[in-house]
C-alpha cells in the first residue's frame, strides 16, 4: 500500500445510544463505516445473505458500496466513524487493494481513540441515525468542506487517529488477488487506474497477450462479468463518489470518466445504480 495515496476524510463521528431503533434497510454508501461497540448487540445483514453480529469489545468495518441492512432488537451503544477516501479519478482506492477482516478484537485504548475523535469533531455528530437524513450529496459535500477547512492541527490529529483505527484492520489484511492468473490481476489494476481513458477490450487483450475471445472468456470466468461490464461498474462507482463529493456538473463528471455521450452515461448509471445521476445527487434511493 502507498500510504501517500490513502487520504481519509471523516464525514461523521459520534456516539450513538439505541434501544431497538437502529433498523435501516438496504443501506449503501460511498464511504466506509467503522463501529466500536460499547454495550448491547446488533446485526448487519449483507445482500449475499451473510450476517455480521456486532458485540461489545470489537471493532467492525463496513466497506463502501456494500448493500446491508441494520437490525437492532434491544439496547445498543456504539461509536461510529464514517470515512470517505479522497482521491483522483485515476487513483485506485488503496483500501480496495486489500482483503481485510470486517470484525477484529478491540484493544484497550481503542475506546479512547473513538472518544477523542468524537471530542475533536463535535460538528460531525449525526443529528439522526437514519441514513436517509445524512446520506445525501448536500450533507456529505458540506461535511467534506467542513473537514478540509478546519485548522491544520485539528486535521492532523483527526487523520492520525483515523490512520490508527484503519491500521487495526490493515494489520490483518492481505493483498487482494483477483485471480491466480496474473494477467487478469494486471487487467483489473489497469482498468481501475485508467477509468478516464478510452478502454477497449482489444487493448486489454493485447496487454494480456491473449486473443480477444480468450481474454473475454477468462475475464468472465474470474470476475463473473465481461471486461466492459466491469469497466462501467467501476466508472459508475467513481461517479457516485464524485456526485457526492464534488460540486460539478453531471456532464463534466461523465466526460472525466471517459463517457463521450452524456445520455449513454445516464443510461449506464441508471442500469447499475438504479436511479439517474441527477436523482442520485438529490438523494433519491433505489
C-alpha atoms as a PDB file:
ATOM      1  CA  UNK A   1       0.000   0.000   0.000  1.00  0.00           C
ATOM      2  CA  UNK A   2       1.143   3.518  -0.822  1.00  0.00           C
ATOM      3  CA  UNK A   3       0.179   5.424   2.309  1.00  0.00           C
ATOM      4  CA  UNK A   4       0.683   8.718   0.460  1.00  0.00           C
ATOM      5  CA  UNK A   5      -2.381   7.846  -1.630  1.00  0.00           C
ATOM      6  CA  UNK A   6      -4.509   6.982   1.406  1.00  0.00           C
ATOM      7  CA  UNK A   7      -6.274  10.240   2.300  1.00  0.00           C
ATOM      8  CA  UNK A   8      -9.150   9.508   4.691  1.00  0.00           C
ATOM      9  CA  UNK A   9     -11.678  12.266   5.406  1.00  0.00           C
ATOM     10  CA  UNK A  10     -14.034  11.946   8.375  1.00  0.00           C
ATOM     11  CA  UNK A  11     -17.622  12.650   7.331  1.00  0.00           C
ATOM     12  CA  UNK A  12     -19.403  11.724  10.552  1.00  0.00           C
ATOM     13  CA  UNK A  13     -18.281  10.651  14.012  1.00  0.00           C
ATOM     14  CA  UNK A  14     -20.065  10.304  17.323  1.00  0.00           C
ATOM     15  CA  UNK A  15     -21.508   8.065  19.997  1.00  0.00           C
ATOM     16  CA  UNK A  16     -24.982   6.615  19.446  1.00  0.00           C
ATOM     17  CA  UNK A  17     -27.341   5.183  22.051  1.00  0.00           C
ATOM     18  CA  UNK A  18     -30.140   3.000  20.720  1.00  0.00           C
ATOM     19  CA  UNK A  19     -32.809   0.676  22.019  1.00  0.00           C
ATOM     20  CA  UNK A  20     -34.346  -1.410  19.241  1.00  0.00           C
ATOM     21  CA  UNK A  21     -34.318   1.667  16.960  1.00  0.00           C
ATOM     22  CA  UNK A  22     -31.240   1.067  14.789  1.00  0.00           C
ATOM     23  CA  UNK A  23     -33.081  -0.669  11.973  1.00  0.00           C
ATOM     24  CA  UNK A  24     -32.381   0.524   8.416  1.00  0.00           C
ATOM     25  CA  UNK A  25     -32.865  -1.437   5.207  1.00  0.00           C
ATOM     26  CA  UNK A  26     -30.727  -1.569   2.054  1.00  0.00           C
ATOM     27  CA  UNK A  27     -28.127   0.945   3.185  1.00  0.00           C
ATOM     28  CA  UNK A  28     -25.414   1.578   0.586  1.00  0.00           C
ATOM     29  CA  UNK A  29     -22.986   4.490   0.741  1.00  0.00           C
ATOM     30  CA  UNK A  30     -19.771   5.589  -0.999  1.00  0.00           C
ATOM     31  CA  UNK A  31     -17.935   5.741   2.324  1.00  0.00           C
ATOM     32  CA  UNK A  32     -16.599   3.295   4.910  1.00  0.00           C
ATOM     33  CA  UNK A  33     -18.424   2.747   8.195  1.00  0.00           C
ATOM     34  CA  UNK A  34     -16.403   1.785  11.291  1.00  0.00           C
ATOM     35  CA  UNK A  35     -18.018   0.837  14.622  1.00  0.00           C
ATOM     36  CA  UNK A  36     -16.708   0.394  18.149  1.00  0.00           C
ATOM     37  CA  UNK A  37     -19.371  -1.357  20.221  1.00  0.00           C
ATOM     38  CA  UNK A  38     -19.659  -0.267  23.857  1.00  0.00           C
ATOM     39  CA  UNK A  39     -22.636  -2.345  25.005  1.00  0.00           C
ATOM     40  CA  UNK A  40     -25.597  -4.277  23.680  1.00  0.00           C
ATOM     41  CA  UNK A  41     -25.813  -6.058  20.354  1.00  0.00           C
ATOM     42  CA  UNK A  42     -26.978  -5.508  16.788  1.00  0.00           C
ATOM     43  CA  UNK A  43     -26.585  -7.244  13.434  1.00  0.00           C
ATOM     44  CA  UNK A  44     -25.672  -6.272   9.904  1.00  0.00           C
ATOM     45  CA  UNK A  45     -27.249  -8.397   7.171  1.00  0.00           C
ATOM     46  CA  UNK A  46     -25.469  -8.266   3.825  1.00  0.00           C
ATOM     47  CA  UNK A  47     -27.051  -8.659   0.420  1.00  0.00           C
ATOM     48  CA  UNK A  48     -25.305 -12.029  -0.062  1.00  0.00           C
ATOM     49  CA  UNK A  49     -27.148 -13.387   2.987  1.00  0.00           C
ATOM     50  CA  UNK A  50     -24.229 -13.272   5.428  1.00  0.00           C
ATOM     51  CA  UNK A  51     -24.792 -11.768   8.868  1.00  0.00           C
ATOM     52  CA  UNK A  52     -22.272  -9.856  10.978  1.00  0.00           C
ATOM     53  CA  UNK A  53     -23.101  -9.739  14.696  1.00  0.00           C
ATOM     54  CA  UNK A  54     -21.945  -6.532  16.409  1.00  0.00           C
ATOM     55  CA  UNK A  55     -20.881  -7.201  20.005  1.00  0.00           C
ATOM     56  CA  UNK A  56     -19.035  -5.266  22.746  1.00  0.00           C
ATOM     57  CA  UNK A  57     -15.254  -5.346  22.727  1.00  0.00           C
ATOM     58  CA  UNK A  58     -14.884  -5.493  18.964  1.00  0.00           C
ATOM     59  CA  UNK A  59     -14.298  -3.173  16.020  1.00  0.00           C
ATOM     60  CA  UNK A  60     -16.279  -3.513  12.800  1.00  0.00           C
ATOM     61  CA  UNK A  61     -15.817  -2.165   9.272  1.00  0.00           C
ATOM     62  CA  UNK A  62     -18.465  -1.995   6.548  1.00  0.00           C
ATOM     63  CA  UNK A  63     -16.822  -1.294   3.160  1.00  0.00           C
ATOM     64  CA  UNK A  64     -18.042   1.406   0.813  1.00  0.00           C
ATOM     65  CA  UNK A  65     -20.711   0.442  -1.745  1.00  0.00           C
ATOM     66  CA  UNK A  66     -21.792  -2.531   0.360  1.00  0.00           C
ATOM     67  CA  UNK A  67     -25.551  -3.063   0.482  1.00  0.00           C
ATOM     68  CA  UNK A  68     -26.601  -4.014   4.009  1.00  0.00           C
ATOM     69  CA  UNK A  69     -29.452  -3.900   6.500  1.00  0.00           C
ATOM     70  CA  UNK A  70     -29.089  -2.966  10.173  1.00  0.00           C
ATOM     71  CA  UNK A  71     -31.049  -4.974  12.735  1.00  0.00           C
ATOM     72  CA  UNK A  72     -31.369  -3.996  16.415  1.00  0.00           C
ATOM     73  CA  UNK A  73     -33.892  -5.569  18.819  1.00  0.00           C
ATOM     74  CA  UNK A  74     -32.595  -4.204  22.151  1.00  0.00           C
ATOM     75  CA  UNK A  75     -30.101  -1.793  23.736  1.00  0.00           C
ATOM     76  CA  UNK A  76     -27.139  -0.946  21.534  1.00  0.00           C
ATOM     77  CA  UNK A  77     -24.467   1.678  22.286  1.00  0.00           C
ATOM     78  CA  UNK A  78     -21.612   2.301  19.867  1.00  0.00           C
ATOM     79  CA  UNK A  79     -19.188   4.813  18.433  1.00  0.00           C
ATOM     80  CA  UNK A  80     -19.367   5.310  14.673  1.00  0.00           C
ATOM     81  CA  UNK A  81     -16.952   6.820  12.165  1.00  0.00           C
ATOM     82  CA  UNK A  82     -17.794   7.370   8.505  1.00  0.00           C
ATOM     83  CA  UNK A  83     -14.654   7.700   6.390  1.00  0.00           C
ATOM     84  CA  UNK A  84     -14.515   8.966   2.828  1.00  0.00           C
ATOM     85  CA  UNK A  85     -11.407   8.034   0.872  1.00  0.00           C
ATOM     86  CA  UNK A  86     -10.388  11.138  -1.066  1.00  0.00           C
ATOM     87  CA  UNK A  87      -8.671  10.546  -4.369  1.00  0.00           C
ATOM     88  CA  UNK A  88      -8.401  11.437  -8.035  1.00  0.00           C
ATOM     89  CA  UNK A  89     -10.194   9.624 -10.851  1.00  0.00           C
ATOM     90  CA  UNK A  90      -7.032   7.825 -11.935  1.00  0.00           C
ATOM     91  CA  UNK A  91      -6.135   6.684  -8.412  1.00  0.00           C
ATOM     92  CA  UNK A  92      -7.251   3.265  -7.298  1.00  0.00           C
ATOM     93  CA  UNK A  93      -8.718   3.080  -3.814  1.00  0.00           C
ATOM     94  CA  UNK A  94      -5.903   1.943  -1.556  1.00  0.00           C
ATOM     95  CA  UNK A  95      -8.312   0.130   0.757  1.00  0.00           C
ATOM     96  CA  UNK A  96      -9.804  -1.659  -2.248  1.00  0.00           C
ATOM     97  CA  UNK A  97      -6.497  -3.396  -2.937  1.00  0.00           C
ATOM     98  CA  UNK A  98      -6.694  -5.496   0.233  1.00  0.00           C
ATOM     99  CA  UNK A  99      -8.918  -8.135   1.770  1.00  0.00           C
ATOM    100  CA  UNK A 100      -9.342  -7.408   5.453  1.00  0.00           C
ATOM    101  CA  UNK A 101     -11.485  -8.716   8.312  1.00  0.00           C
ATOM    102  CA  UNK A 102     -14.808  -6.993   8.962  1.00  0.00           C
ATOM    103  CA  UNK A 103     -14.509  -7.776  12.686  1.00  0.00           C
ATOM    104  CA  UNK A 104     -11.454  -7.568  14.961  1.00  0.00           C
ATOM    105  CA  UNK A 105     -10.975  -7.547  18.749  1.00  0.00           C
ATOM    106  CA  UNK A 106     -10.651  -4.060  20.182  1.00  0.00           C
ATOM    107  CA  UNK A 107      -7.538  -3.007  22.103  1.00  0.00           C
ATOM    108  CA  UNK A 108      -7.901  -1.339  25.484  1.00  0.00           C
ATOM    109  CA  UNK A 109      -7.014   2.078  24.037  1.00  0.00           C
ATOM    110  CA  UNK A 110      -9.398   1.857  21.060  1.00  0.00           C
ATOM    111  CA  UNK A 111     -12.258   3.255  23.113  1.00  0.00           C
ATOM    112  CA  UNK A 112     -10.126   6.299  23.927  1.00  0.00           C
ATOM    113  CA  UNK A 113      -9.345   6.827  20.234  1.00  0.00           C
ATOM    114  CA  UNK A 114     -13.022   6.895  19.278  1.00  0.00           C
ATOM    115  CA  UNK A 115     -13.846   9.128  22.249  1.00  0.00           C
ATOM    116  CA  UNK A 116     -11.071  11.562  21.316  1.00  0.00           C
ATOM    117  CA  UNK A 117     -12.125  11.574  17.671  1.00  0.00           C
ATOM    118  CA  UNK A 118     -15.661  12.438  18.767  1.00  0.00           C
ATOM    119  CA  UNK A 119     -14.411  15.236  21.031  1.00  0.00           C
ATOM    120  CA  UNK A 120     -12.330  16.729  18.224  1.00  0.00           C
ATOM    121  CA  UNK A 121     -15.228  16.757  15.778  1.00  0.00           C
ATOM    122  CA  UNK A 122     -18.483  17.652  17.593  1.00  0.00           C
ATOM    123  CA  UNK A 123     -19.780  19.309  14.428  1.00  0.00           C
ATOM    124  CA  UNK A 124     -19.719  15.943  12.620  1.00  0.00           C
ATOM    125  CA  UNK A 125     -22.056  14.131  15.016  1.00  0.00           C
ATOM    126  CA  UNK A 126     -25.181  12.813  13.317  1.00  0.00           C
ATOM    127  CA  UNK A 127     -28.405  14.590  14.273  1.00  0.00           C
ATOM    128  CA  UNK A 128     -30.285  11.381  13.399  1.00  0.00           C
ATOM    129  CA  UNK A 129     -29.147   7.820  12.784  1.00  0.00           C
ATOM    130  CA  UNK A 130     -31.456   7.262   9.819  1.00  0.00           C
ATOM    131  CA  UNK A 131     -29.172   7.112   6.725  1.00  0.00           C
ATOM    132  CA  UNK A 132     -31.836   8.908   4.670  1.00  0.00           C
ATOM    133  CA  UNK A 133     -31.221  12.048   6.755  1.00  0.00           C
ATOM    134  CA  UNK A 134     -27.480  12.303   6.132  1.00  0.00           C
ATOM    135  CA  UNK A 135     -26.544  10.017   3.222  1.00  0.00           C
ATOM    136  CA  UNK A 136     -27.060  12.618   0.514  1.00  0.00           C
ATOM    137  CA  UNK A 137     -24.994  14.903  -1.666  1.00  0.00           C
ATOM    138  CA  UNK A 138     -25.699  18.135   0.210  1.00  0.00           C
ATOM    139  CA  UNK A 139     -24.789  16.750   3.638  1.00  0.00           C
ATOM    140  CA  UNK A 140     -21.696  14.863   2.504  1.00  0.00           C
ATOM    141  CA  UNK A 141     -20.393  17.767   0.443  1.00  0.00           C
ATOM    142  CA  UNK A 142     -20.917  20.058   3.444  1.00  0.00           C
ATOM    143  CA  UNK A 143     -19.068  17.695   5.780  1.00  0.00           C
ATOM    144  CA  UNK A 144     -16.162  17.286   3.353  1.00  0.00           C
ATOM    145  CA  UNK A 145     -15.888  21.078   3.112  1.00  0.00           C
ATOM    146  CA  UNK A 146     -16.049  21.468   6.902  1.00  0.00           C
ATOM    147  CA  UNK A 147     -13.333  18.832   7.308  1.00  0.00           C
ATOM    148  CA  UNK A 148     -10.998  20.416   4.771  1.00  0.00           C
ATOM    149  CA  UNK A 149     -11.413  23.941   6.181  1.00  0.00           C
ATOM    150  CA  UNK A 150     -10.510  23.130   9.793  1.00  0.00           C
ATOM    151  CA  UNK A 151      -7.263  24.283  11.481  1.00  0.00           C
ATOM    152  CA  UNK A 152      -4.237  22.249  10.404  1.00  0.00           C
ATOM    153  CA  UNK A 153      -3.544  20.923  13.904  1.00  0.00           C
ATOM    154  CA  UNK A 154      -7.064  19.559  14.213  1.00  0.00           C
ATOM    155  CA  UNK A 155      -6.872  17.937  10.786  1.00  0.00           C
ATOM    156  CA  UNK A 156      -3.542  16.292  11.590  1.00  0.00           C
ATOM    157  CA  UNK A 157      -4.747  14.831  14.891  1.00  0.00           C
ATOM    158  CA  UNK A 158      -8.025  13.651  13.344  1.00  0.00           C
ATOM    159  CA  UNK A 159      -6.295  11.990  10.409  1.00  0.00           C
ATOM    160  CA  UNK A 160      -3.692  10.459  12.712  1.00  0.00           C
ATOM    161  CA  UNK A 161      -6.411   8.812  14.809  1.00  0.00           C
ATOM    162  CA  UNK A 162      -8.179   7.547  11.682  1.00  0.00           C
ATOM    163  CA  UNK A 163      -4.891   6.067  10.453  1.00  0.00           C
ATOM    164  CA  UNK A 164      -4.515   4.283  13.802  1.00  0.00           C
ATOM    165  CA  UNK A 165      -8.041   2.872  13.627  1.00  0.00           C
ATOM    166  CA  UNK A 166      -7.667   1.767   9.999  1.00  0.00           C
ATOM    167  CA  UNK A 167      -4.303   0.201  10.818  1.00  0.00           C
ATOM    168  CA  UNK A 168      -6.047  -2.185  13.200  1.00  0.00           C
ATOM    169  CA  UNK A 169      -7.862  -3.723  10.228  1.00  0.00           C
ATOM    170  CA  UNK A 170      -4.988  -3.443   7.768  1.00  0.00           C
ATOM    171  CA  UNK A 171      -2.572  -5.221  10.115  1.00  0.00           C
ATOM    172  CA  UNK A 172      -4.636  -8.331   9.438  1.00  0.00           C
ATOM    173  CA  UNK A 173      -5.202  -7.607   5.749  1.00  0.00           C
ATOM    174  CA  UNK A 174      -3.773  -9.456   2.786  1.00  0.00           C
ATOM    175  CA  UNK A 175      -3.141  -8.094  -0.710  1.00  0.00           C
ATOM    176  CA  UNK A 176      -6.159  -8.749  -2.877  1.00  0.00           C
ATOM    177  CA  UNK A 177      -5.502 -11.095  -5.748  1.00  0.00           C
ATOM    178  CA  UNK A 178      -8.430 -11.387  -8.108  1.00  0.00           C
ATOM    179  CA  UNK A 179      -7.095 -14.499  -9.759  1.00  0.00           C
ATOM    180  CA  UNK A 180      -4.183 -16.875  -9.736  1.00  0.00           C
ATOM    181  CA  UNK A 181      -3.785 -15.728 -13.338  1.00  0.00           C
ATOM    182  CA  UNK A 182      -1.723 -12.539 -13.058  1.00  0.00           C
ATOM    183  CA  UNK A 183      -2.951 -11.414 -16.468  1.00  0.00           C
ATOM    184  CA  UNK A 184      -6.428 -10.814 -15.025  1.00  0.00           C
ATOM    185  CA  UNK A 185      -4.984  -9.131 -11.934  1.00  0.00           C
ATOM    186  CA  UNK A 186      -2.981  -6.827 -14.172  1.00  0.00           C
ATOM    187  CA  UNK A 187      -6.031  -6.080 -16.321  1.00  0.00           C
ATOM    188  CA  UNK A 188      -8.169  -5.215 -13.298  1.00  0.00           C
ATOM    189  CA  UNK A 189      -5.435  -2.979 -11.930  1.00  0.00           C
ATOM    190  CA  UNK A 190      -5.096  -1.236 -15.275  1.00  0.00           C
ATOM    191  CA  UNK A 191      -8.855  -0.641 -15.525  1.00  0.00           C
ATOM    192  CA  UNK A 192      -9.058   0.852 -12.042  1.00  0.00           C
ATOM    193  CA  UNK A 193      -6.243   3.301 -12.724  1.00  0.00           C
ATOM    194  CA  UNK A 194      -7.358   4.335 -16.235  1.00  0.00           C
ATOM    195  CA  UNK A 195     -11.079   4.963 -15.797  1.00  0.00           C
ATOM    196  CA  UNK A 196     -10.945   8.260 -17.673  1.00  0.00           C
ATOM    197  CA  UNK A 197      -9.141   6.703 -20.634  1.00  0.00           C
ATOM    198  CA  UNK A 198     -10.670   5.117 -23.710  1.00  0.00           C
ATOM    199  CA  UNK A 199     -10.598   1.491 -22.562  1.00  0.00           C
ATOM    200  CA  UNK A 200     -11.328  -1.079 -25.263  1.00  0.00           C
ATOM    201  CA  UNK A 201     -11.325  -4.848 -24.970  1.00  0.00           C
ATOM    202  CA  UNK A 202      -8.858  -5.282 -27.817  1.00  0.00           C
ATOM    203  CA  UNK A 203      -6.240  -3.233 -25.970  1.00  0.00           C
ATOM    204  CA  UNK A 204      -6.819  -5.128 -22.716  1.00  0.00           C
ATOM    205  CA  UNK A 205      -6.463  -8.449 -24.537  1.00  0.00           C
ATOM    206  CA  UNK A 206      -3.278  -7.249 -26.235  1.00  0.00           C
ATOM    207  CA  UNK A 207      -1.751  -6.197 -22.906  1.00  0.00           C
ATOM    208  CA  UNK A 208      -2.595  -9.666 -21.557  1.00  0.00           C
ATOM    209  CA  UNK A 209      -1.073 -11.316 -24.653  1.00  0.00           C
ATOM    210  CA  UNK A 210      -4.338 -13.126 -25.349  1.00  0.00           C
ATOM    211  CA  UNK A 211      -6.792 -13.253 -28.199  1.00  0.00           C
ATOM    212  CA  UNK A 212      -9.912 -11.145 -27.621  1.00  0.00           C
ATOM    213  CA  UNK A 213     -12.190 -14.185 -27.304  1.00  0.00           C
ATOM    214  CA  UNK A 214      -9.824 -15.958 -24.897  1.00  0.00           C
ATOM    215  CA  UNK A 215      -9.395 -12.823 -22.809  1.00  0.00           C
ATOM    216  CA  UNK A 216     -13.136 -12.178 -22.527  1.00  0.00           C
ATOM    217  CA  UNK A 217     -13.776 -15.791 -21.591  1.00  0.00           C
ATOM    218  CA  UNK A 218     -11.017 -15.834 -18.949  1.00  0.00           C
ATOM    219  CA  UNK A 219     -12.055 -12.459 -17.530  1.00  0.00           C
ATOM    220  CA  UNK A 220     -15.697 -13.525 -17.248  1.00  0.00           C
ATOM    221  CA  UNK A 221     -14.747 -16.801 -15.546  1.00  0.00           C
ATOM    222  CA  UNK A 222     -12.794 -14.822 -12.951  1.00  0.00           C
ATOM    223  CA  UNK A 223     -14.929 -11.702 -12.447  1.00  0.00           C
ATOM    224  CA  UNK A 224     -18.408 -13.056 -13.299  1.00  0.00           C
ATOM    225  CA  UNK A 225     -18.863 -10.245 -15.816  1.00  0.00           C
ATOM    226  CA  UNK A 226     -17.409  -9.123 -19.121  1.00  0.00           C
ATOM    227  CA  UNK A 227     -14.466  -6.688 -19.182  1.00  0.00           C
ATOM    228  CA  UNK A 228     -16.646  -3.756 -20.300  1.00  0.00           C
ATOM    229  CA  UNK A 229     -19.296  -4.535 -17.702  1.00  0.00           C
ATOM    230  CA  UNK A 230     -16.527  -4.323 -15.101  1.00  0.00           C
ATOM    231  CA  UNK A 231     -15.219  -1.061 -16.604  1.00  0.00           C
ATOM    232  CA  UNK A 232     -18.668   0.524 -16.461  1.00  0.00           C
ATOM    233  CA  UNK A 233     -19.301  -0.695 -12.911  1.00  0.00           C
ATOM    234  CA  UNK A 234     -16.067   0.863 -11.656  1.00  0.00           C
ATOM    235  CA  UNK A 235     -16.774   4.072 -13.565  1.00  0.00           C
ATOM    236  CA  UNK A 236     -20.226   4.364 -12.027  1.00  0.00           C
ATOM    237  CA  UNK A 237     -18.864   3.710  -8.538  1.00  0.00           C
ATOM    238  CA  UNK A 238     -16.391   6.553  -9.100  1.00  0.00           C
ATOM    239  CA  UNK A 239     -19.234   8.694 -10.486  1.00  0.00           C
ATOM    240  CA  UNK A 240     -21.226   8.096  -7.288  1.00  0.00           C
ATOM    241  CA  UNK A 241     -18.291   9.340  -5.240  1.00  0.00           C
ATOM    242  CA  UNK A 242     -17.935  12.407  -7.453  1.00  0.00           C
ATOM    243  CA  UNK A 243     -21.651  13.187  -7.344  1.00  0.00           C
ATOM    244  CA  UNK A 244     -21.443  13.145  -3.552  1.00  0.00           C
ATOM    245  CA  UNK A 245     -18.186  14.999  -3.096  1.00  0.00           C
ATOM    246  CA  UNK A 246     -17.856  17.451  -5.989  1.00  0.00           C
ATOM    247  CA  UNK A 247     -19.977  20.428  -6.926  1.00  0.00           C
ATOM    248  CA  UNK A 248     -19.532  19.904 -10.654  1.00  0.00           C
ATOM    249  CA  UNK A 249     -21.932  19.204 -13.484  1.00  0.00           C
ATOM    250  CA  UNK A 250     -23.059  15.717 -14.428  1.00  0.00           C
ATOM    251  CA  UNK A 251     -21.782  16.389 -17.940  1.00  0.00           C
ATOM    252  CA  UNK A 252     -18.273  17.107 -16.659  1.00  0.00           C
ATOM    253  CA  UNK A 253     -18.332  14.010 -14.455  1.00  0.00           C
ATOM    254  CA  UNK A 254     -19.334  11.887 -17.443  1.00  0.00           C
ATOM    255  CA  UNK A 255     -16.506  13.310 -19.577  1.00  0.00           C
ATOM    256  CA  UNK A 256     -13.990  12.947 -16.754  1.00  0.00           C
ATOM    257  CA  UNK A 257     -14.851   9.257 -16.528  1.00  0.00           C
ATOM    258  CA  UNK A 258     -14.395   8.586 -20.221  1.00  0.00           C
ATOM    259  CA  UNK A 259     -18.017   8.854 -21.399  1.00  0.00           C
ATOM    260  CA  UNK A 260     -18.298  10.890 -24.603  1.00  0.00           C
ATOM    261  CA  UNK A 261     -22.096  10.716 -24.583  1.00  0.00           C
ATOM    262  CA  UNK A 262     -23.910  12.061 -21.509  1.00  0.00           C
ATOM    263  CA  UNK A 263     -27.113  10.237 -22.459  1.00  0.00           C
ATOM    264  CA  UNK A 264     -25.235   6.943 -22.581  1.00  0.00           C
ATOM    265  CA  UNK A 265     -23.602   7.753 -19.219  1.00  0.00           C
ATOM    266  CA  UNK A 266     -27.063   8.364 -17.751  1.00  0.00           C
ATOM    267  CA  UNK A 267     -28.384   5.061 -19.090  1.00  0.00           C
ATOM    268  CA  UNK A 268     -25.401   3.110 -17.755  1.00  0.00           C
ATOM    269  CA  UNK A 269     -25.635   4.888 -14.398  1.00  0.00           C
ATOM    270  CA  UNK A 270     -29.333   4.069 -14.030  1.00  0.00           C
ATOM    271  CA  UNK A 271     -28.791   0.444 -15.034  1.00  0.00           C
ATOM    272  CA  UNK A 272     -26.119  -0.006 -12.340  1.00  0.00           C
ATOM    273  CA  UNK A 273     -27.257   2.381  -9.577  1.00  0.00           C
ATOM    274  CA  UNK A 274     -30.998   2.077 -10.127  1.00  0.00           C
ATOM    275  CA  UNK A 275     -31.555   5.831 -10.438  1.00  0.00           C
ATOM    276  CA  UNK A 276     -30.334   8.600 -12.744  1.00  0.00           C
ATOM    277  CA  UNK A 277     -27.245  10.663 -11.809  1.00  0.00           C
ATOM    278  CA  UNK A 278     -29.443  13.653 -11.009  1.00  0.00           C
ATOM    279  CA  UNK A 279     -31.739  11.565  -8.803  1.00  0.00           C
ATOM    280  CA  UNK A 280     -28.725  10.072  -7.049  1.00  0.00           C
ATOM    281  CA  UNK A 281     -27.237  13.510  -6.379  1.00  0.00           C
ATOM    282  CA  UNK A 282     -30.567  14.679  -4.959  1.00  0.00           C
ATOM    283  CA  UNK A 283     -30.771  11.755  -2.566  1.00  0.00           C
ATOM    284  CA  UNK A 284     -33.377   9.625  -4.362  1.00  0.00           C
ATOM    285  CA  UNK A 285     -32.956   5.997  -3.270  1.00  0.00           C
ATOM    286  CA  UNK A 286     -33.390   2.941  -5.441  1.00  0.00           C
END
